């Protein structure tokens, strides 16, 4: 059995946003029954957990995490098919990070469900490199970003 995984971004067609988090989550739940959404821990909460374990985190990582907001994410597994979605941290939803994985025929069927009017499915963008200065919190990236400290 051939296994496949697609990771990408669902964006709007440019004429409008995807909608509110509530509306986008409702559409996705309608497509994938069993899908549940929850808020991820914020970066500050993640740092507190890491600190409670006595793990030493480099300063750049600490500053980056400290600016990360909580995000609304959902996932479900139906048999061998797995889907997950990240709707971001606020309204309106401009893009959704998505992962679909499973046997090729099931993943293809799930991918077809995501072909909706007004939605464009894109493969991930190239990694952006951004230089940051010491002791300054890096800005929240608008996509896949690797921070390099000067």
C-alpha atoms as a PDB file:
ATOM      1  CA  UNK A   1       0.000   0.000   0.000  1.00  0.00           C
ATOM      2  CA  UNK A   2       1.486   3.318  -1.072  1.00  0.00           C
ATOM      3  CA  UNK A   3       1.484   5.969   1.665  1.00  0.00           C
ATOM      4  CA  UNK A   4       1.468   9.683   0.960  1.00  0.00           C
ATOM      5  CA  UNK A   5       1.513  12.939   2.868  1.00  0.00           C
ATOM      6  CA  UNK A   6       0.684  16.460   1.757  1.00  0.00           C
ATOM      7  CA  UNK A   7       1.625  19.460   3.835  1.00  0.00           C
ATOM      8  CA  UNK A   8       0.558  22.805   2.576  1.00  0.00           C
ATOM      9  CA  UNK A   9      -1.459  25.944   2.947  1.00  0.00           C
ATOM     10  CA  UNK A  10      -5.100  26.599   2.223  1.00  0.00           C
ATOM     11  CA  UNK A  11      -5.478  30.247   1.196  1.00  0.00           C
ATOM     12  CA  UNK A  12      -8.322  32.315  -0.140  1.00  0.00           C
ATOM     13  CA  UNK A  13      -8.737  33.089  -3.818  1.00  0.00           C
ATOM     14  CA  UNK A  14      -7.758  36.677  -3.046  1.00  0.00           C
ATOM     15  CA  UNK A  15     -11.258  38.124  -3.255  1.00  0.00           C
ATOM     16  CA  UNK A  16     -12.019  37.512   0.411  1.00  0.00           C
ATOM     17  CA  UNK A  17     -10.576  35.873   3.522  1.00  0.00           C
ATOM     18  CA  UNK A  18     -11.374  32.271   4.376  1.00  0.00           C
ATOM     19  CA  UNK A  19     -13.724  33.533   7.113  1.00  0.00           C
ATOM     20  CA  UNK A  20     -13.730  33.516  10.879  1.00  0.00           C
ATOM     21  CA  UNK A  21     -12.033  30.754  12.839  1.00  0.00           C
ATOM     22  CA  UNK A  22     -15.476  29.500  13.862  1.00  0.00           C
ATOM     23  CA  UNK A  23     -16.718  29.372  10.243  1.00  0.00           C
ATOM     24  CA  UNK A  24     -13.566  27.712   8.855  1.00  0.00           C
ATOM     25  CA  UNK A  25     -13.522  25.164  11.695  1.00  0.00           C
ATOM     26  CA  UNK A  26     -17.204  24.373  11.024  1.00  0.00           C
ATOM     27  CA  UNK A  27     -16.501  23.731   7.318  1.00  0.00           C
ATOM     28  CA  UNK A  28     -13.544  21.467   8.145  1.00  0.00           C
ATOM     29  CA  UNK A  29     -15.536  19.557  10.791  1.00  0.00           C
ATOM     30  CA  UNK A  30     -18.277  19.053   8.193  1.00  0.00           C
ATOM     31  CA  UNK A  31     -15.704  17.587   5.789  1.00  0.00           C
ATOM     32  CA  UNK A  32     -13.935  15.463   8.400  1.00  0.00           C
ATOM     33  CA  UNK A  33     -16.331  14.246  11.114  1.00  0.00           C
ATOM     34  CA  UNK A  34     -14.434  13.627  14.331  1.00  0.00           C
ATOM     35  CA  UNK A  35     -12.172  16.621  13.786  1.00  0.00           C
ATOM     36  CA  UNK A  36     -11.798  18.555  17.027  1.00  0.00           C
ATOM     37  CA  UNK A  37     -10.138  21.905  17.617  1.00  0.00           C
ATOM     38  CA  UNK A  38      -8.316  23.252  20.641  1.00  0.00           C
ATOM     39  CA  UNK A  39      -6.048  26.157  21.492  1.00  0.00           C
ATOM     40  CA  UNK A  40      -2.343  25.392  21.636  1.00  0.00           C
ATOM     41  CA  UNK A  41      -0.262  26.661  24.543  1.00  0.00           C
ATOM     42  CA  UNK A  42       1.234  30.107  23.932  1.00  0.00           C
ATOM     43  CA  UNK A  43       4.984  30.476  23.696  1.00  0.00           C
ATOM     44  CA  UNK A  44       5.080  31.882  27.216  1.00  0.00           C
ATOM     45  CA  UNK A  45       3.218  28.799  28.486  1.00  0.00           C
ATOM     46  CA  UNK A  46       5.575  26.504  26.566  1.00  0.00           C
ATOM     47  CA  UNK A  47       8.595  28.262  28.063  1.00  0.00           C
ATOM     48  CA  UNK A  48       7.155  27.898  31.564  1.00  0.00           C
ATOM     49  CA  UNK A  49       6.759  24.152  30.967  1.00  0.00           C
ATOM     50  CA  UNK A  50      10.317  23.857  29.610  1.00  0.00           C
ATOM     51  CA  UNK A  51      11.673  25.885  32.547  1.00  0.00           C
ATOM     52  CA  UNK A  52       9.799  23.659  35.022  1.00  0.00           C
ATOM     53  CA  UNK A  53      11.734  20.699  33.603  1.00  0.00           C
ATOM     54  CA  UNK A  54      15.070  22.459  34.105  1.00  0.00           C
ATOM     55  CA  UNK A  55      15.887  22.563  30.392  1.00  0.00           C
ATOM     56  CA  UNK A  56      18.238  25.365  29.356  1.00  0.00           C
ATOM     57  CA  UNK A  57      16.954  27.111  26.233  1.00  0.00           C
ATOM     58  CA  UNK A  58      19.180  29.351  24.077  1.00  0.00           C
ATOM     59  CA  UNK A  59      18.303  33.029  24.334  1.00  0.00           C
ATOM     60  CA  UNK A  60      17.229  33.320  20.675  1.00  0.00           C
ATOM     61  CA  UNK A  61      14.820  30.406  21.084  1.00  0.00           C
ATOM     62  CA  UNK A  62      13.501  31.908  24.322  1.00  0.00           C
ATOM     63  CA  UNK A  63      12.890  35.306  22.698  1.00  0.00           C
ATOM     64  CA  UNK A  64      11.205  33.673  19.695  1.00  0.00           C
ATOM     65  CA  UNK A  65       8.905  31.521  21.852  1.00  0.00           C
ATOM     66  CA  UNK A  66       8.030  34.467  24.107  1.00  0.00           C
ATOM     67  CA  UNK A  67       6.249  36.198  21.217  1.00  0.00           C
ATOM     68  CA  UNK A  68       4.245  33.187  19.988  1.00  0.00           C
ATOM     69  CA  UNK A  69       0.503  33.410  20.571  1.00  0.00           C
ATOM     70  CA  UNK A  70      -1.816  30.493  21.160  1.00  0.00           C
ATOM     71  CA  UNK A  71      -3.197  29.026  17.909  1.00  0.00           C
ATOM     72  CA  UNK A  72      -6.387  27.140  17.075  1.00  0.00           C
ATOM     73  CA  UNK A  73      -5.489  23.673  15.780  1.00  0.00           C
ATOM     74  CA  UNK A  74      -7.485  20.574  15.001  1.00  0.00           C
ATOM     75  CA  UNK A  75      -6.757  16.993  14.029  1.00  0.00           C
ATOM     76  CA  UNK A  76      -8.417  13.650  13.593  1.00  0.00           C
ATOM     77  CA  UNK A  77      -7.596  10.124  12.548  1.00  0.00           C
ATOM     78  CA  UNK A  78     -10.131   7.988  10.683  1.00  0.00           C
ATOM     79  CA  UNK A  79      -8.694   4.542  10.131  1.00  0.00           C
ATOM     80  CA  UNK A  80      -5.394   5.080   8.345  1.00  0.00           C
ATOM     81  CA  UNK A  81      -6.188   8.649   7.262  1.00  0.00           C
ATOM     82  CA  UNK A  82      -4.903  11.528   9.380  1.00  0.00           C
ATOM     83  CA  UNK A  83      -5.637  15.221   8.885  1.00  0.00           C
ATOM     84  CA  UNK A  84      -4.576  18.259  10.877  1.00  0.00           C
ATOM     85  CA  UNK A  85      -5.212  21.963  10.485  1.00  0.00           C
ATOM     86  CA  UNK A  86      -3.822  25.127  12.084  1.00  0.00           C
ATOM     87  CA  UNK A  87      -6.164  28.130  11.798  1.00  0.00           C
ATOM     88  CA  UNK A  88      -3.766  30.589  13.414  1.00  0.00           C
ATOM     89  CA  UNK A  89      -4.340  32.980  16.277  1.00  0.00           C
ATOM     90  CA  UNK A  90      -7.094  35.347  15.220  1.00  0.00           C
ATOM     91  CA  UNK A  91      -9.804  36.511  12.869  1.00  0.00           C
ATOM     92  CA  UNK A  92     -10.200  36.613   9.998  1.00  0.00           C
ATOM     93  CA  UNK A  93      -8.401  33.444   8.880  1.00  0.00           C
ATOM     94  CA  UNK A  94      -6.033  34.367   6.060  1.00  0.00           C
ATOM     95  CA  UNK A  95      -4.559  30.883   5.625  1.00  0.00           C
ATOM     96  CA  UNK A  96      -4.735  27.403   7.118  1.00  0.00           C
ATOM     97  CA  UNK A  97      -1.692  25.169   7.482  1.00  0.00           C
ATOM     98  CA  UNK A  98      -2.833  21.637   6.635  1.00  0.00           C
ATOM     99  CA  UNK A  99      -1.474  18.095   6.664  1.00  0.00           C
ATOM    100  CA  UNK A 100      -3.181  15.114   5.043  1.00  0.00           C
ATOM    101  CA  UNK A 101      -1.546  11.687   5.326  1.00  0.00           C
ATOM    102  CA  UNK A 102      -2.484   8.089   4.741  1.00  0.00           C
ATOM    103  CA  UNK A 103      -2.774   5.525   1.982  1.00  0.00           C
ATOM    104  CA  UNK A 104      -2.579   7.254  -1.387  1.00  0.00           C
ATOM    105  CA  UNK A 105      -6.252   6.663  -2.325  1.00  0.00           C
ATOM    106  CA  UNK A 106      -7.588   7.920   1.029  1.00  0.00           C
ATOM    107  CA  UNK A 107      -5.272  10.943   1.059  1.00  0.00           C
ATOM    108  CA  UNK A 108      -6.315  11.793  -2.514  1.00  0.00           C
ATOM    109  CA  UNK A 109     -10.004  11.620  -1.504  1.00  0.00           C
ATOM    110  CA  UNK A 110      -9.352  13.900   1.500  1.00  0.00           C
ATOM    111  CA  UNK A 111      -7.392  16.286  -0.704  1.00  0.00           C
ATOM    112  CA  UNK A 112     -10.365  16.428  -3.092  1.00  0.00           C
ATOM    113  CA  UNK A 113     -12.647  17.398  -0.193  1.00  0.00           C
ATOM    114  CA  UNK A 114     -10.443  20.431   0.386  1.00  0.00           C
ATOM    115  CA  UNK A 115     -10.959  21.633  -3.213  1.00  0.00           C
ATOM    116  CA  UNK A 116     -13.653  24.162  -2.325  1.00  0.00           C
ATOM    117  CA  UNK A 117     -14.816  27.297  -4.111  1.00  0.00           C
ATOM    118  CA  UNK A 118     -12.720  30.248  -2.967  1.00  0.00           C
ATOM    119  CA  UNK A 119      -9.998  28.016  -1.460  1.00  0.00           C
ATOM    120  CA  UNK A 120      -6.582  27.591  -3.074  1.00  0.00           C
ATOM    121  CA  UNK A 121      -4.290  24.762  -1.950  1.00  0.00           C
ATOM    122  CA  UNK A 122      -0.599  25.609  -2.115  1.00  0.00           C
ATOM    123  CA  UNK A 123       2.523  23.658  -1.337  1.00  0.00           C
ATOM    124  CA  UNK A 124       4.666  25.139   1.411  1.00  0.00           C
ATOM    125  CA  UNK A 125       6.567  28.279   0.622  1.00  0.00           C
ATOM    126  CA  UNK A 126      10.360  28.274   0.628  1.00  0.00           C
ATOM    127  CA  UNK A 127      12.029  28.813   3.978  1.00  0.00           C
ATOM    128  CA  UNK A 128      12.764  32.495   4.639  1.00  0.00           C
ATOM    129  CA  UNK A 129      15.999  33.434   6.395  1.00  0.00           C
ATOM    130  CA  UNK A 130      15.837  36.433   8.714  1.00  0.00           C
ATOM    131  CA  UNK A 131      18.667  37.997  10.700  1.00  0.00           C
ATOM    132  CA  UNK A 132      17.836  39.207  14.218  1.00  0.00           C
ATOM    133  CA  UNK A 133      19.865  41.119  16.767  1.00  0.00           C
ATOM    134  CA  UNK A 134      20.682  39.924  20.277  1.00  0.00           C
ATOM    135  CA  UNK A 135      18.322  40.860  23.103  1.00  0.00           C
ATOM    136  CA  UNK A 136      15.501  41.852  20.728  1.00  0.00           C
ATOM    137  CA  UNK A 137      12.430  39.678  20.323  1.00  0.00           C
ATOM    138  CA  UNK A 138      12.188  38.443  16.730  1.00  0.00           C
ATOM    139  CA  UNK A 139       9.039  39.494  14.898  1.00  0.00           C
ATOM    140  CA  UNK A 140       6.328  36.883  14.398  1.00  0.00           C
ATOM    141  CA  UNK A 141       7.020  35.324  11.010  1.00  0.00           C
ATOM    142  CA  UNK A 142       4.352  35.263   8.339  1.00  0.00           C
ATOM    143  CA  UNK A 143       5.404  31.810   7.170  1.00  0.00           C
ATOM    144  CA  UNK A 144       8.253  29.308   7.402  1.00  0.00           C
ATOM    145  CA  UNK A 145      11.177  31.358   8.777  1.00  0.00           C
ATOM    146  CA  UNK A 146      14.619  30.498  10.098  1.00  0.00           C
ATOM    147  CA  UNK A 147      16.063  33.170  12.415  1.00  0.00           C
ATOM    148  CA  UNK A 148      19.816  33.758  12.424  1.00  0.00           C
ATOM    149  CA  UNK A 149      21.252  35.800  15.281  1.00  0.00           C
ATOM    150  CA  UNK A 150      23.934  38.365  14.393  1.00  0.00           C
END
